[in-house]
Amino acid sequence: MNGAASVFSVYHTPEGREYYYNNENKQTQWVKPDVLLTPAQVATGWSITTSPEGKTYWFNKSDRNQTSWNAPEGWNTEAPKNDSSE
């Protein structure tokens, strides 16, 4: 895992909703950090999160009012490759 990505831990609420904990600043967030996205995902200008009900959705980072239940064009759902040999 690259250094920036290792700053974050992924957790789930009892209801199954995913959230992210920053081990350096001790803050949590619902939105998946860019360092955990692939370069192709970052390039779309969109990010991914979950609704309070646990349903995955995407939002445009420059206009958070623009959301979609479907992945935006160019989004690939593969996780970034782990670049360590762990």
N, C-alpha and C. Protein backbone atom coordinates (compact mmCIF):
# COMPACT_ATOMS: atom_id res chain seq x y z
N MET A 1 0.87 -1.18 0.00
CA MET A 1 0.00 0.00 0.00
C MET A 1 0.90 1.22 0.00
N ASN A 2 0.53 2.24 -0.78
CA ASN A 2 1.39 3.42 -0.79
C ASN A 2 1.22 4.19 0.51
N GLY A 3 2.19 5.04 0.83
CA GLY A 3 2.19 5.77 2.09
C GLY A 3 0.95 6.58 2.34
N ALA A 4 0.49 7.32 1.33
CA ALA A 4 -0.70 8.16 1.51
C ALA A 4 -1.93 7.31 1.78
N ALA A 5 -2.07 6.20 1.06
CA ALA A 5 -3.23 5.34 1.26
C ALA A 5 -3.20 4.69 2.63
N SER A 6 -2.01 4.40 3.15
CA SER A 6 -1.93 3.74 4.44
C SER A 6 -2.33 4.65 5.60
N VAL A 7 -2.48 5.93 5.33
CA VAL A 7 -2.96 6.87 6.35
C VAL A 7 -4.41 6.55 6.72
N PHE A 8 -5.16 5.96 5.80
CA PHE A 8 -6.58 5.71 6.01
C PHE A 8 -6.86 4.26 6.37
N SER A 9 -7.80 4.09 7.28
CA SER A 9 -8.36 2.78 7.60
C SER A 9 -9.82 2.81 7.19
N VAL A 10 -10.31 1.68 6.71
CA VAL A 10 -11.70 1.56 6.28
C VAL A 10 -12.48 0.81 7.35
N TYR A 11 -13.62 1.38 7.75
CA TYR A 11 -14.48 0.77 8.75
C TYR A 11 -15.91 0.74 8.22
N HIS A 12 -16.75 -0.01 8.92
CA HIS A 12 -18.17 -0.09 8.57
C HIS A 12 -19.00 0.13 9.83
N THR A 13 -20.09 0.86 9.66
CA THR A 13 -21.02 1.05 10.76
C THR A 13 -21.75 -0.28 11.01
N PRO A 14 -22.47 -0.42 12.11
CA PRO A 14 -23.23 -1.65 12.35
C PRO A 14 -24.24 -1.94 11.22
N GLU A 15 -24.67 -0.88 10.53
CA GLU A 15 -25.61 -1.05 9.41
C GLU A 15 -24.89 -1.39 8.10
N GLY A 16 -23.56 -1.39 8.12
CA GLY A 16 -22.82 -1.76 6.92
C GLY A 16 -22.31 -0.60 6.09
N ARG A 17 -22.54 0.63 6.53
CA ARG A 17 -22.09 1.80 5.78
C ARG A 17 -20.59 2.00 5.96
N GLU A 18 -19.87 2.12 4.85
CA GLU A 18 -18.43 2.28 4.89
C GLU A 18 -18.03 3.71 5.20
N TYR A 19 -16.99 3.86 6.04
CA TYR A 19 -16.42 5.18 6.30
C TYR A 19 -14.92 5.04 6.45
N TYR A 20 -14.24 6.17 6.46
CA TYR A 20 -12.78 6.19 6.40
C TYR A 20 -12.23 6.99 7.57
N TYR A 21 -11.21 6.43 8.21
CA TYR A 21 -10.59 7.06 9.36
C TYR A 21 -9.16 7.43 8.98
N ASN A 22 -8.83 8.72 9.18
CA ASN A 22 -7.49 9.21 8.91
C ASN A 22 -6.68 9.02 10.19
N ASN A 23 -5.69 8.12 10.12
CA ASN A 23 -4.89 7.79 11.29
C ASN A 23 -3.97 8.92 11.74
N GLU A 24 -3.70 9.88 10.87
CA GLU A 24 -2.83 11.00 11.24
C GLU A 24 -3.58 12.11 11.96
N ASN A 25 -4.73 12.53 11.38
CA ASN A 25 -5.44 13.65 12.00
C ASN A 25 -6.64 13.20 12.85
N LYS A 26 -6.86 11.88 12.93
CA LYS A 26 -7.90 11.28 13.78
C LYS A 26 -9.32 11.68 13.38
N GLN A 27 -9.51 12.02 12.10
CA GLN A 27 -10.84 12.40 11.62
C GLN A 27 -11.44 11.29 10.77
N THR A 28 -12.77 11.23 10.77
CA THR A 28 -13.48 10.27 9.94
C THR A 28 -14.20 11.00 8.82
N GLN A 29 -14.48 10.27 7.75
CA GLN A 29 -15.23 10.85 6.63
C GLN A 29 -15.99 9.75 5.91
N TRP A 30 -17.11 10.14 5.30
CA TRP A 30 -17.92 9.21 4.53
C TRP A 30 -17.39 9.05 3.12
N VAL A 31 -16.80 10.11 2.58
CA VAL A 31 -16.35 10.12 1.19
C VAL A 31 -15.01 9.38 1.08
N LYS A 32 -14.92 8.49 0.10
CA LYS A 32 -13.67 7.75 -0.11
C LYS A 32 -12.57 8.72 -0.51
N PRO A 33 -11.46 8.73 0.21
CA PRO A 33 -10.37 9.66 -0.10
C PRO A 33 -9.77 9.39 -1.49
N ASP A 34 -9.36 10.45 -2.16
CA ASP A 34 -8.78 10.30 -3.49
C ASP A 34 -7.60 9.34 -3.51
N VAL A 35 -6.82 9.29 -2.43
CA VAL A 35 -5.65 8.39 -2.42
C VAL A 35 -6.06 6.92 -2.44
N LEU A 36 -7.32 6.62 -2.19
CA LEU A 36 -7.81 5.25 -2.27
C LEU A 36 -8.49 4.94 -3.59
N LEU A 37 -8.56 5.94 -4.47
CA LEU A 37 -9.14 5.76 -5.80
C LEU A 37 -8.05 5.47 -6.81
N THR A 38 -8.43 4.89 -7.93
CA THR A 38 -7.48 4.69 -9.01
C THR A 38 -7.29 6.02 -9.73
N PRO A 39 -6.20 6.19 -10.48
CA PRO A 39 -6.03 7.42 -11.27
C PRO A 39 -7.20 7.64 -12.24
N ALA A 40 -7.74 6.57 -12.82
CA ALA A 40 -8.88 6.71 -13.73
C ALA A 40 -10.11 7.25 -13.00
N GLN A 41 -10.32 6.80 -11.77
CA GLN A 41 -11.46 7.28 -10.99
C GLN A 41 -11.29 8.75 -10.64
N VAL A 42 -10.10 9.14 -10.22
CA VAL A 42 -9.83 10.54 -9.88
C VAL A 42 -10.05 11.42 -11.11
N ALA A 43 -9.62 10.94 -12.27
CA ALA A 43 -9.72 11.73 -13.51
C ALA A 43 -11.15 12.04 -13.92
N THR A 44 -12.12 11.26 -13.44
CA THR A 44 -13.52 11.52 -13.81
C THR A 44 -14.05 12.79 -13.16
N GLY A 45 -13.41 13.23 -12.06
CA GLY A 45 -13.92 14.39 -11.33
C GLY A 45 -15.04 14.03 -10.38
N TRP A 46 -15.32 12.76 -10.24
CA TRP A 46 -16.37 12.28 -9.36
C TRP A 46 -15.76 11.54 -8.18
N SER A 47 -16.53 11.38 -7.11
CA SER A 47 -16.11 10.58 -5.98
C SER A 47 -17.26 9.67 -5.59
N ILE A 48 -16.97 8.74 -4.73
CA ILE A 48 -17.95 7.73 -4.33
C ILE A 48 -18.17 7.79 -2.82
N THR A 49 -19.40 7.54 -2.43
CA THR A 49 -19.75 7.48 -1.01
C THR A 49 -20.98 6.61 -0.88
N THR A 50 -21.54 6.54 0.31
CA THR A 50 -22.77 5.78 0.51
C THR A 50 -23.81 6.65 1.19
N SER A 51 -25.06 6.35 0.90
CA SER A 51 -26.16 7.05 1.55
C SER A 51 -26.28 6.54 2.98
N PRO A 52 -27.05 7.25 3.82
CA PRO A 52 -27.26 6.75 5.19
C PRO A 52 -27.86 5.34 5.22
N GLU A 53 -28.53 4.95 4.14
CA GLU A 53 -29.12 3.61 4.05
C GLU A 53 -28.11 2.58 3.55
N GLY A 54 -26.90 3.03 3.22
CA GLY A 54 -25.86 2.12 2.77
C GLY A 54 -25.78 1.91 1.27
N LYS A 55 -26.54 2.68 0.50
CA LYS A 55 -26.52 2.54 -0.96
C LYS A 55 -25.39 3.38 -1.55
N THR A 56 -24.59 2.79 -2.42
CA THR A 56 -23.47 3.48 -3.06
C THR A 56 -23.98 4.51 -4.06
N TYR A 57 -23.38 5.70 -4.04
CA TYR A 57 -23.67 6.69 -5.07
C TYR A 57 -22.42 7.52 -5.34
N TRP A 58 -22.45 8.23 -6.46
CA TRP A 58 -21.33 9.08 -6.88
C TRP A 58 -21.78 10.52 -6.89
N PHE A 59 -20.83 11.44 -6.67
CA PHE A 59 -21.13 12.86 -6.77
C PHE A 59 -19.98 13.56 -7.48
N ASN A 60 -20.33 14.64 -8.17
CA ASN A 60 -19.35 15.44 -8.88
C ASN A 60 -18.67 16.33 -7.85
N LYS A 61 -17.33 16.24 -7.77
CA LYS A 61 -16.61 16.99 -6.73
C LYS A 61 -16.66 18.50 -6.94
N SER A 62 -16.87 18.95 -8.17
CA SER A 62 -16.95 20.40 -8.40
C SER A 62 -18.38 20.92 -8.26
N ASP A 63 -19.36 20.03 -8.25
CA ASP A 63 -20.76 20.40 -8.07
C ASP A 63 -21.44 19.28 -7.30
N ARG A 64 -21.38 19.35 -5.98
CA ARG A 64 -21.91 18.27 -5.14
C ARG A 64 -23.41 18.07 -5.28
N ASN A 65 -24.10 18.97 -5.97
CA ASN A 65 -25.52 18.77 -6.23
C ASN A 65 -25.75 17.80 -7.37
N GLN A 66 -24.70 17.50 -8.14
CA GLN A 66 -24.80 16.56 -9.24
C GLN A 66 -24.39 15.18 -8.73
N THR A 67 -25.39 14.29 -8.60
CA THR A 67 -25.16 12.96 -8.06
C THR A 67 -25.73 11.91 -9.01
N SER A 68 -25.29 10.67 -8.81
CA SER A 68 -25.79 9.58 -9.64
C SER A 68 -25.74 8.27 -8.86
N TRP A 69 -26.75 7.44 -9.05
CA TRP A 69 -26.73 6.09 -8.48
C TRP A 69 -25.87 5.17 -9.33
N ASN A 70 -25.59 5.59 -10.56
CA ASN A 70 -24.78 4.80 -11.49
C ASN A 70 -23.39 5.41 -11.62
N ALA A 71 -22.40 4.57 -11.81
CA ALA A 71 -21.02 5.04 -11.96
C ALA A 71 -20.92 5.98 -13.16
N PRO A 72 -20.20 7.09 -13.02
CA PRO A 72 -20.05 8.02 -14.14
C PRO A 72 -19.18 7.40 -15.24
N GLU A 73 -19.31 7.94 -16.42
CA GLU A 73 -18.51 7.46 -17.54
C GLU A 73 -17.02 7.56 -17.20
N GLY A 74 -16.28 6.52 -17.48
CA GLY A 74 -14.86 6.50 -17.21
C GLY A 74 -14.49 5.95 -15.84
N TRP A 75 -15.51 5.76 -14.99
CA TRP A 75 -15.24 5.23 -13.65
C TRP A 75 -15.02 3.73 -13.77
N ASN A 76 -14.00 3.25 -13.14
CA ASN A 76 -13.83 1.80 -13.11
C ASN A 76 -13.82 1.41 -11.65
N THR A 77 -14.47 0.34 -11.32
CA THR A 77 -14.68 0.01 -9.92
C THR A 77 -13.55 -0.83 -9.32
N GLU A 78 -12.49 -1.05 -10.08
CA GLU A 78 -11.37 -1.81 -9.53
C GLU A 78 -10.65 -0.98 -8.49
N ALA A 79 -10.24 -1.66 -7.43
CA ALA A 79 -9.46 -0.99 -6.38
C ALA A 79 -8.06 -0.72 -6.90
N PRO A 80 -7.41 0.31 -6.39
CA PRO A 80 -6.02 0.54 -6.79
C PRO A 80 -5.16 -0.66 -6.44
N LYS A 81 -4.15 -0.89 -7.25
CA LYS A 81 -3.24 -2.00 -7.00
C LYS A 81 -2.38 -1.72 -5.79
N ASN A 82 -2.18 -2.73 -4.98
CA ASN A 82 -1.32 -2.62 -3.81
C ASN A 82 0.11 -2.70 -4.31
N ASP A 83 0.89 -1.65 -4.10
CA ASP A 83 2.24 -1.62 -4.65
C ASP A 83 3.30 -2.14 -3.67
N SER A 84 2.86 -2.80 -2.61
CA SER A 84 3.82 -3.43 -1.70
C SER A 84 3.65 -4.94 -1.81
N SER A 85 4.53 -5.67 -1.21
CA SER A 85 4.45 -7.13 -1.31
C SER A 85 3.87 -7.76 -0.06
N GLU A 86 3.04 -7.01 0.67
CA GLU A 86 2.42 -7.52 1.90
C GLU A 86 1.48 -8.65 1.60
